[in-house]
Amino acid sequence: GWMRALDLRDHKTAGHMERVTRVTMALGERLGVTGPALKYLRWGAILHDVGKLSIPNDILNKPGSLTHDEWRLMRQHPNFAYEMF
């Protein structure tokens, strides 16, 4: 559900979470991550951008380049995600 909500909100990165999750899981398995740790790794990959829900639409969907201040806010999305959980 979180992945779909983010894909609907941020059209420019549609499918991004699925790709990140697929690569993360492959890497985790290759590194020997198993059991609950592999499950948590998957959740982290899925939820890594959930903080973008806190980014204003005019910045998230802005055509063209972001300003320095807009990038500074955009880079805060992992912190926003952490605060959500």
PDB file of N, CA and C in Angstrom:
ATOM      1  N   GLY A   1       0.805  -1.195   0.000  1.00  0.00           N
ATOM      2  CA  GLY A   1       0.000   0.000   0.000  1.00  0.00           C
ATOM      3  C   GLY A   1       0.851   1.263   0.000  1.00  0.00           C
ATOM      4  N   TRP A   2       1.910   1.282   0.827  1.00  0.00           N
ATOM      5  CA  TRP A   2       2.799   2.449   0.886  1.00  0.00           C
ATOM      6  C   TRP A   2       3.459   2.671  -0.471  1.00  0.00           C
ATOM      7  N   MET A   3       3.897   1.585  -1.100  1.00  0.00           N
ATOM      8  CA  MET A   3       4.560   1.710  -2.399  1.00  0.00           C
ATOM      9  C   MET A   3       3.615   2.307  -3.427  1.00  0.00           C
ATOM     10  N   ARG A   4       2.396   1.839  -3.449  1.00  0.00           N
ATOM     11  CA  ARG A   4       1.414   2.335  -4.418  1.00  0.00           C
ATOM     12  C   ARG A   4       1.098   3.801  -4.157  1.00  0.00           C
ATOM     13  N   ALA A   5       0.930   4.180  -2.893  1.00  0.00           N
ATOM     14  CA  ALA A   5       0.634   5.573  -2.558  1.00  0.00           C
ATOM     15  C   ALA A   5       1.753   6.491  -3.028  1.00  0.00           C
ATOM     16  N   LEU A   6       2.993   6.091  -2.824  1.00  0.00           N
ATOM     17  CA  LEU A   6       4.119   6.915  -3.261  1.00  0.00           C
ATOM     18  C   LEU A   6       4.225   6.968  -4.779  1.00  0.00           C
ATOM     19  N   ASP A   7       3.982   5.849  -5.436  1.00  0.00           N
ATOM     20  CA  ASP A   7       4.011   5.839  -6.904  1.00  0.00           C
ATOM     21  C   ASP A   7       2.943   6.769  -7.471  1.00  0.00           C
ATOM     22  N   LEU A   8       1.772   6.791  -6.857  1.00  0.00           N
ATOM     23  CA  LEU A   8       0.698   7.673  -7.327  1.00  0.00           C
ATOM     24  C   LEU A   8       1.032   9.143  -7.091  1.00  0.00           C
ATOM     25  N   ARG A   9       1.746   9.418  -6.020  1.00  0.00           N
ATOM     26  CA  ARG A   9       2.070  10.806  -5.667  1.00  0.00           C
ATOM     27  C   ARG A   9       3.272  11.326  -6.438  1.00  0.00           C
ATOM     28  N   ASP A  10       4.257  10.489  -6.683  1.00  0.00           N
ATOM     29  CA  ASP A  10       5.492  10.917  -7.343  1.00  0.00           C
ATOM     30  C   ASP A  10       5.641  10.149  -8.651  1.00  0.00           C
ATOM     31  N   HIS A  11       5.030  10.660  -9.698  1.00  0.00           N
ATOM     32  CA  HIS A  11       4.993   9.973 -10.995  1.00  0.00           C
ATOM     33  C   HIS A  11       6.382   9.824 -11.620  1.00  0.00           C
ATOM     34  N   LYS A  12       7.297  10.720 -11.295  1.00  0.00           N
ATOM     35  CA  LYS A  12       8.625  10.678 -11.909  1.00  0.00           C
ATOM     36  C   LYS A  12       9.423   9.453 -11.485  1.00  0.00           C
ATOM     37  N   THR A  13       9.102   8.905 -10.334  1.00  0.00           N
ATOM     38  CA  THR A  13       9.871   7.759  -9.841  1.00  0.00           C
ATOM     39  C   THR A  13       9.020   6.499  -9.779  1.00  0.00           C
ATOM     40  N   ALA A  14       7.991   6.418 -10.593  1.00  0.00           N
ATOM     41  CA  ALA A  14       7.122   5.235 -10.602  1.00  0.00           C
ATOM     42  C   ALA A  14       7.959   3.975 -10.839  1.00  0.00           C
ATOM     43  N   GLY A  15       7.708   2.959 -10.028  1.00  0.00           N
ATOM     44  CA  GLY A  15       8.439   1.708 -10.140  1.00  0.00           C
ATOM     45  C   GLY A  15       9.769   1.701  -9.409  1.00  0.00           C
ATOM     46  N   HIS A  16      10.192   2.840  -8.900  1.00  0.00           N
ATOM     47  CA  HIS A  16      11.486   2.961  -8.228  1.00  0.00           C
ATOM     48  C   HIS A  16      11.587   2.012  -7.034  1.00  0.00           C
ATOM     49  N   MET A  17      10.547   1.976  -6.196  1.00  0.00           N
ATOM     50  CA  MET A  17      10.614   1.145  -4.998  1.00  0.00           C
ATOM     51  C   MET A  17      10.701  -0.340  -5.332  1.00  0.00           C
ATOM     52  N   GLU A  18       9.993  -0.757  -6.386  1.00  0.00           N
ATOM     53  CA  GLU A  18      10.081  -2.163  -6.780  1.00  0.00           C
ATOM     54  C   GLU A  18      11.501  -2.501  -7.220  1.00  0.00           C
ATOM     55  N   ARG A  19      12.115  -1.601  -7.989  1.00  0.00           N
ATOM     56  CA  ARG A  19      13.489  -1.844  -8.448  1.00  0.00           C
ATOM     57  C   ARG A  19      14.461  -1.852  -7.272  1.00  0.00           C
ATOM     58  N   VAL A  20      14.332  -0.888  -6.372  1.00  0.00           N
ATOM     59  CA  VAL A  20      15.216  -0.827  -5.202  1.00  0.00           C
ATOM     60  C   VAL A  20      15.034  -2.079  -4.351  1.00  0.00           C
ATOM     61  N   THR A  21      13.805  -2.508  -4.171  1.00  0.00           N
ATOM     62  CA  THR A  21      13.536  -3.697  -3.354  1.00  0.00           C
ATOM     63  C   THR A  21      14.146  -4.933  -3.992  1.00  0.00           C
ATOM     64  N   ARG A  22      13.986  -5.086  -5.292  1.00  0.00           N
ATOM     65  CA  ARG A  22      14.528  -6.248  -5.998  1.00  0.00           C
ATOM     66  C   ARG A  22      16.063  -6.296  -5.873  1.00  0.00           C
ATOM     67  N   VAL A  23      16.716  -5.170  -6.091  1.00  0.00           N
ATOM     68  CA  VAL A  23      18.177  -5.119  -6.010  1.00  0.00           C
ATOM     69  C   VAL A  23      18.643  -5.330  -4.570  1.00  0.00           C
ATOM     70  N   THR A  24      17.942  -4.726  -3.621  1.00  0.00           N
ATOM     71  CA  THR A  24      18.309  -4.858  -2.212  1.00  0.00           C
ATOM     72  C   THR A  24      18.193  -6.302  -1.753  1.00  0.00           C
ATOM     73  N   MET A  25      17.111  -6.971  -2.136  1.00  0.00           N
ATOM     74  CA  MET A  25      16.930  -8.364  -1.741  1.00  0.00           C
ATOM     75  C   MET A  25      18.006  -9.254  -2.350  1.00  0.00           C
ATOM     76  N   ALA A  26      18.322  -9.027  -3.609  1.00  0.00           N
ATOM     77  CA  ALA A  26      19.375  -9.821  -4.257  1.00  0.00           C
ATOM     78  C   ALA A  26      20.713  -9.608  -3.555  1.00  0.00           C
ATOM     79  N   LEU A  27      21.014  -8.371  -3.223  1.00  0.00           N
ATOM     80  CA  LEU A  27      22.261  -8.071  -2.529  1.00  0.00           C
ATOM     81  C   LEU A  27      22.277  -8.689  -1.136  1.00  0.00           C
ATOM     82  N   GLY A  28      21.150  -8.548  -0.417  1.00  0.00           N
ATOM     83  CA  GLY A  28      21.072  -9.136   0.916  1.00  0.00           C
ATOM     84  C   GLY A  28      21.272 -10.630   0.898  1.00  0.00           C
ATOM     85  N   GLU A  29      20.622 -11.317  -0.053  1.00  0.00           N
ATOM     86  CA  GLU A  29      20.779 -12.766  -0.162  1.00  0.00           C
ATOM     87  C   GLU A  29      22.217 -13.134  -0.506  1.00  0.00           C
ATOM     88  N   ARG A  30      22.811 -12.362  -1.392  1.00  0.00           N
ATOM     89  CA  ARG A  30      24.210 -12.635  -1.770  1.00  0.00           C
ATOM     90  C   ARG A  30      25.159 -12.452  -0.582  1.00  0.00           C
ATOM     91  N   LEU A  31      24.810 -11.512   0.301  1.00  0.00           N
ATOM     92  CA  LEU A  31      25.632 -11.262   1.491  1.00  0.00           C
ATOM     93  C   LEU A  31      25.319 -12.233   2.623  1.00  0.00           C
ATOM     94  N   GLY A  32      24.330 -13.103   2.402  1.00  0.00           N
ATOM     95  CA  GLY A  32      24.017 -14.104   3.415  1.00  0.00           C
ATOM     96  C   GLY A  32      22.991 -13.681   4.440  1.00  0.00           C
ATOM     97  N   VAL A  33      22.266 -12.630   4.179  1.00  0.00           N
ATOM     98  CA  VAL A  33      21.214 -12.199   5.096  1.00  0.00           C
ATOM     99  C   VAL A  33      20.056 -13.191   4.982  1.00  0.00           C
ATOM    100  N   THR A  34      19.555 -13.668   6.126  1.00  0.00           N
ATOM    101  CA  THR A  34      18.493 -14.670   6.132  1.00  0.00           C
ATOM    102  C   THR A  34      17.471 -14.356   7.212  1.00  0.00           C
ATOM    103  N   GLY A  35      16.395 -15.114   7.207  1.00  0.00           N
ATOM    104  CA  GLY A  35      15.385 -15.045   8.264  1.00  0.00           C
ATOM    105  C   GLY A  35      14.781 -13.669   8.438  1.00  0.00           C
ATOM    106  N   PRO A  36      14.507 -13.317   9.704  1.00  0.00           N
ATOM    107  CA  PRO A  36      13.869 -12.035   9.985  1.00  0.00           C
ATOM    108  C   PRO A  36      14.667 -10.837   9.459  1.00  0.00           C
ATOM    109  N   ALA A  37      15.979 -10.939   9.466  1.00  0.00           N
ATOM    110  CA  ALA A  37      16.807  -9.829   8.977  1.00  0.00           C
ATOM    111  C   ALA A  37      16.526  -9.550   7.506  1.00  0.00           C
ATOM    112  N   LEU A  38      16.290 -10.597   6.725  1.00  0.00           N
ATOM    113  CA  LEU A  38      15.975 -10.418   5.309  1.00  0.00           C
ATOM    114  C   LEU A  38      14.607  -9.756   5.144  1.00  0.00           C
ATOM    115  N   LYS A  39      13.672 -10.128   6.011  1.00  0.00           N
ATOM    116  CA  LYS A  39      12.343  -9.500   5.990  1.00  0.00           C
ATOM    117  C   LYS A  39      12.458  -8.007   6.311  1.00  0.00           C
ATOM    118  N   TYR A  40      13.235  -7.663   7.312  1.00  0.00           N
ATOM    119  CA  TYR A  40      13.398  -6.259   7.685  1.00  0.00           C
ATOM    120  C   TYR A  40      14.145  -5.471   6.610  1.00  0.00           C
ATOM    121  N   LEU A  41      15.085  -6.118   5.960  1.00  0.00           N
ATOM    122  CA  LEU A  41      15.788  -5.482   4.856  1.00  0.00           C
ATOM    123  C   LEU A  41      14.800  -5.139   3.749  1.00  0.00           C
ATOM    124  N   ARG A  42      13.896  -6.068   3.456  1.00  0.00           N
ATOM    125  CA  ARG A  42      12.866  -5.834   2.435  1.00  0.00           C
ATOM    126  C   ARG A  42      11.982  -4.658   2.833  1.00  0.00           C
ATOM    127  N   TRP A  43      11.549  -4.619   4.083  1.00  0.00           N
ATOM    128  CA  TRP A  43      10.704  -3.509   4.540  1.00  0.00           C
ATOM    129  C   TRP A  43      11.434  -2.178   4.406  1.00  0.00           C
ATOM    130  N   GLY A  44      12.704  -2.162   4.761  1.00  0.00           N
ATOM    131  CA  GLY A  44      13.484  -0.933   4.627  1.00  0.00           C
ATOM    132  C   GLY A  44      13.573  -0.469   3.188  1.00  0.00           C
ATOM    133  N   ALA A  45      13.755  -1.418   2.280  1.00  0.00           N
ATOM    134  CA  ALA A  45      13.815  -1.066   0.853  1.00  0.00           C
ATOM    135  C   ALA A  45      12.484  -0.512   0.381  1.00  0.00           C
ATOM    136  N   ILE A  46      11.390  -1.155   0.802  1.00  0.00           N
ATOM    137  CA  ILE A  46      10.060  -0.704   0.396  1.00  0.00           C
ATOM    138  C   ILE A  46       9.766   0.686   0.946  1.00  0.00           C
ATOM    139  N   LEU A  47      10.125   0.917   2.193  1.00  0.00           N
ATOM    140  CA  LEU A  47       9.745   2.159   2.873  1.00  0.00           C
ATOM    141  C   LEU A  47      10.798   3.257   2.793  1.00  0.00           C
ATOM    142  N   HIS A  48      11.871   3.047   2.040  1.00  0.00           N
ATOM    143  CA  HIS A  48      12.972   4.007   2.067  1.00  0.00           C
ATOM    144  C   HIS A  48      12.569   5.406   1.624  1.00  0.00           C
ATOM    145  N   ASP A  49      11.530   5.557   0.826  1.00  0.00           N
ATOM    146  CA  ASP A  49      11.110   6.880   0.351  1.00  0.00           C
ATOM    147  C   ASP A  49       9.790   7.360   0.947  1.00  0.00           C
ATOM    148  N   VAL A  50       9.265   6.656   1.956  1.00  0.00           N
ATOM    149  CA  VAL A  50       7.956   7.021   2.495  1.00  0.00           C
ATOM    150  C   VAL A  50       7.945   8.458   3.043  1.00  0.00           C
ATOM    151  N   GLY A  51       9.081   8.968   3.428  1.00  0.00           N
ATOM    152  CA  GLY A  51       9.162  10.352   3.909  1.00  0.00           C
ATOM    153  C   GLY A  51       8.820  11.377   2.844  1.00  0.00           C
ATOM    154  N   LYS A  52       8.822  10.965   1.576  1.00  0.00           N
ATOM    155  CA  LYS A  52       8.424  11.891   0.511  1.00  0.00           C
ATOM    156  C   LYS A  52       6.962  12.306   0.640  1.00  0.00           C
ATOM    157  N   LEU A  53       6.181  11.553   1.420  1.00  0.00           N
ATOM    158  CA  LEU A  53       4.801  11.962   1.670  1.00  0.00           C
ATOM    159  C   LEU A  53       4.749  13.298   2.399  1.00  0.00           C
ATOM    160  N   SER A  54       5.841  13.688   3.048  1.00  0.00           N
ATOM    161  CA  SER A  54       5.917  14.961   3.769  1.00  0.00           C
ATOM    162  C   SER A  54       6.416  16.114   2.905  1.00  0.00           C
ATOM    163  N   ILE A  55       6.819  15.828   1.686  1.00  0.00           N
ATOM    164  CA  ILE A  55       7.338  16.867   0.790  1.00  0.00           C
ATOM    165  C   ILE A  55       6.159  17.529   0.077  1.00  0.00           C
ATOM    166  N   PRO A  56       6.088  18.859   0.072  1.00  0.00           N
ATOM    167  CA  PRO A  56       4.990  19.537  -0.616  1.00  0.00           C
ATOM    168  C   PRO A  56       4.928  19.176  -2.103  1.00  0.00           C
ATOM    169  N   ASN A  57       3.714  19.068  -2.622  1.00  0.00           N
ATOM    170  CA  ASN A  57       3.516  18.701  -4.026  1.00  0.00           C
ATOM    171  C   ASN A  57       4.231  19.631  -4.989  1.00  0.00           C
ATOM    172  N   ASP A  58       4.268  20.924  -4.681  1.00  0.00           N
ATOM    173  CA  ASP A  58       4.900  21.863  -5.615  1.00  0.00           C
ATOM    174  C   ASP A  58       6.401  21.610  -5.746  1.00  0.00           C
ATOM    175  N   ILE A  59       6.998  20.998  -4.750  1.00  0.00           N
ATOM    176  CA  ILE A  59       8.415  20.627  -4.836  1.00  0.00           C
ATOM    177  C   ILE A  59       8.550  19.231  -5.444  1.00  0.00           C
ATOM    178  N   LEU A  60       7.762  18.297  -4.941  1.00  0.00           N
ATOM    179  CA  LEU A  60       7.856  16.913  -5.407  1.00  0.00           C
ATOM    180  C   LEU A  60       7.582  16.789  -6.908  1.00  0.00           C
ATOM    181  N   ASN A  61       6.634  17.553  -7.397  1.00  0.00           N
ATOM    182  CA  ASN A  61       6.232  17.458  -8.806  1.00  0.00           C
ATOM    183  C   ASN A  61       6.677  18.646  -9.640  1.00  0.00           C
ATOM    184  N   LYS A  62       7.650  19.370  -9.156  1.00  0.00           N
ATOM    185  CA  LYS A  62       8.116  20.558  -9.866  1.00  0.00           C
ATOM    186  C   LYS A  62       8.766  20.185 -11.193  1.00  0.00           C
ATOM    187  N   PRO A  63       8.320  20.819 -12.270  1.00  0.00           N
ATOM    188  CA  PRO A  63       9.018  20.587 -13.538  1.00  0.00           C
ATOM    189  C   PRO A  63      10.346  21.344 -13.514  1.00  0.00           C
ATOM    190  N   GLY A  64      11.354  20.758 -14.040  1.00  0.00           N
ATOM    191  CA  GLY A  64      12.656  21.425 -14.053  1.00  0.00           C
ATOM    192  C   GLY A  64      13.430  21.185 -12.777  1.00  0.00           C
ATOM    193  N   SER A  65      14.472  21.957 -12.616  1.00  0.00           N
ATOM    194  CA  SER A  65      15.404  21.782 -11.500  1.00  0.00           C
ATOM    195  C   SER A  65      14.865  22.368 -10.211  1.00  0.00           C
ATOM    196  N   LEU A  66      15.267  21.753  -9.110  1.00  0.00           N
ATOM    197  CA  LEU A  66      14.933  22.282  -7.793  1.00  0.00           C
ATOM    198  C   LEU A  66      15.969  23.318  -7.379  1.00  0.00           C
ATOM    199  N   THR A  67      15.536  24.263  -6.557  1.00  0.00           N
ATOM    200  CA  THR A  67      16.461  25.243  -6.001  1.00  0.00           C
ATOM    201  C   THR A  67      17.283  24.569  -4.899  1.00  0.00           C
ATOM    202  N   HIS A  68      18.288  25.268  -4.430  1.00  0.00           N
ATOM    203  CA  HIS A  68      19.119  24.754  -3.338  1.00  0.00           C
ATOM    204  C   HIS A  68      18.261  24.431  -2.115  1.00  0.00           C
ATOM    205  N   ASP A  69      17.359  25.350  -1.743  1.00  0.00           N
ATOM    206  CA  ASP A  69      16.506  25.132  -0.572  1.00  0.00           C
ATOM    207  C   ASP A  69      15.535  23.972  -0.784  1.00  0.00           C
ATOM    208  N   GLU A  70      15.019  23.828  -2.003  1.00  0.00           N
ATOM    209  CA  GLU A  70      14.125  22.717  -2.302  1.00  0.00           C
ATOM    210  C   GLU A  70      14.858  21.383  -2.207  1.00  0.00           C
ATOM    211  N   TRP A  71      16.093  21.331  -2.693  1.00  0.00           N
ATOM    212  CA  TRP A  71      16.898  20.110  -2.578  1.00  0.00           C
ATOM    213  C   TRP A  71      17.189  19.799  -1.119  1.00  0.00           C
ATOM    214  N   ARG A  72      17.466  20.846  -0.347  1.00  0.00           N
ATOM    215  CA  ARG A  72      17.745  20.647   1.079  1.00  0.00           C
ATOM    216  C   ARG A  72      16.535  19.996   1.764  1.00  0.00           C
ATOM    217  N   LEU A  73      15.326  20.468   1.427  1.00  0.00           N
ATOM    218  CA  LEU A  73      14.119  19.873   1.982  1.00  0.00           C
ATOM    219  C   LEU A  73      13.917  18.453   1.464  1.00  0.00           C
ATOM    220  N   MET A  74      14.119  18.249   0.174  1.00  0.00           N
ATOM    221  CA  MET A  74      13.941  16.921  -0.418  1.00  0.00           C
ATOM    222  C   MET A  74      14.868  15.897   0.232  1.00  0.00           C
ATOM    223  N   ARG A  75      16.072  16.304   0.547  1.00  0.00           N
ATOM    224  CA  ARG A  75      17.041  15.389   1.175  1.00  0.00           C
ATOM    225  C   ARG A  75      16.663  15.024   2.606  1.00  0.00           C
ATOM    226  N   GLN A  76      15.679  15.705   3.155  1.00  0.00           N
ATOM    227  CA  GLN A  76      15.215  15.402   4.510  1.00  0.00           C
ATOM    228  C   GLN A  76      14.212  14.252   4.540  1.00  0.00           C
ATOM    229  N   HIS A  77      13.796  13.749   3.362  1.00  0.00           N
ATOM    230  CA  HIS A  77      12.739  12.736   3.371  1.00  0.00           C
ATOM    231  C   HIS A  77      13.073  11.474   4.173  1.00  0.00           C
ATOM    232  N   PRO A  78      14.331  11.031   4.261  1.00  0.00           N
ATOM    233  CA  PRO A  78      14.590   9.883   5.142  1.00  0.00           C
ATOM    234  C   PRO A  78      14.334  10.214   6.614  1.00  0.00           C
ATOM    235  N   ASN A  79      14.640  11.429   7.015  1.00  0.00           N
ATOM    236  CA  ASN A  79      14.370  11.846   8.395  1.00  0.00           C
ATOM    237  C   ASN A  79      12.868  11.898   8.657  1.00  0.00           C
ATOM    238  N   PHE A  80      12.110  12.397   7.677  1.00  0.00           N
ATOM    239  CA  PHE A  80      10.651  12.438   7.813  1.00  0.00           C
ATOM    240  C   PHE A  80      10.097  11.021   7.952  1.00  0.00           C
ATOM    241  N   ALA A  81      10.644  10.082   7.178  1.00  0.00           N
ATOM    242  CA  ALA A  81      10.206   8.688   7.263  1.00  0.00           C
ATOM    243  C   ALA A  81      10.487   8.128   8.656  1.00  0.00           C
ATOM    244  N   TYR A  82      11.680   8.395   9.158  1.00  0.00           N
ATOM    245  CA  TYR A  82      12.044   7.922  10.499  1.00  0.00           C
ATOM    246  C   TYR A  82      11.059   8.450  11.543  1.00  0.00           C
ATOM    247  N   GLU A  83      10.707   9.721  11.431  1.00  0.00           N
ATOM    248  CA  GLU A  83       9.793  10.351  12.385  1.00  0.00           C
ATOM    249  C   GLU A  83       8.387   9.767  12.283  1.00  0.00           C
ATOM    250  N   MET A  84       8.008   9.276  11.093  1.00  0.00           N
ATOM    251  CA  MET A  84       6.675   8.697  10.915  1.00  0.00           C
ATOM    252  C   MET A  84       6.514   7.380  11.669  1.00  0.00           C
ATOM    253  N   PHE A  85       7.620   6.659  11.827  1.00  0.00           N
ATOM    254  CA  PHE A  85       7.540   5.348  12.468  1.00  0.00           C
ATOM    255  C   PHE A  85       8.160   5.399  13.835  1.00  0.00           C
TER     256      PHE A  85
END
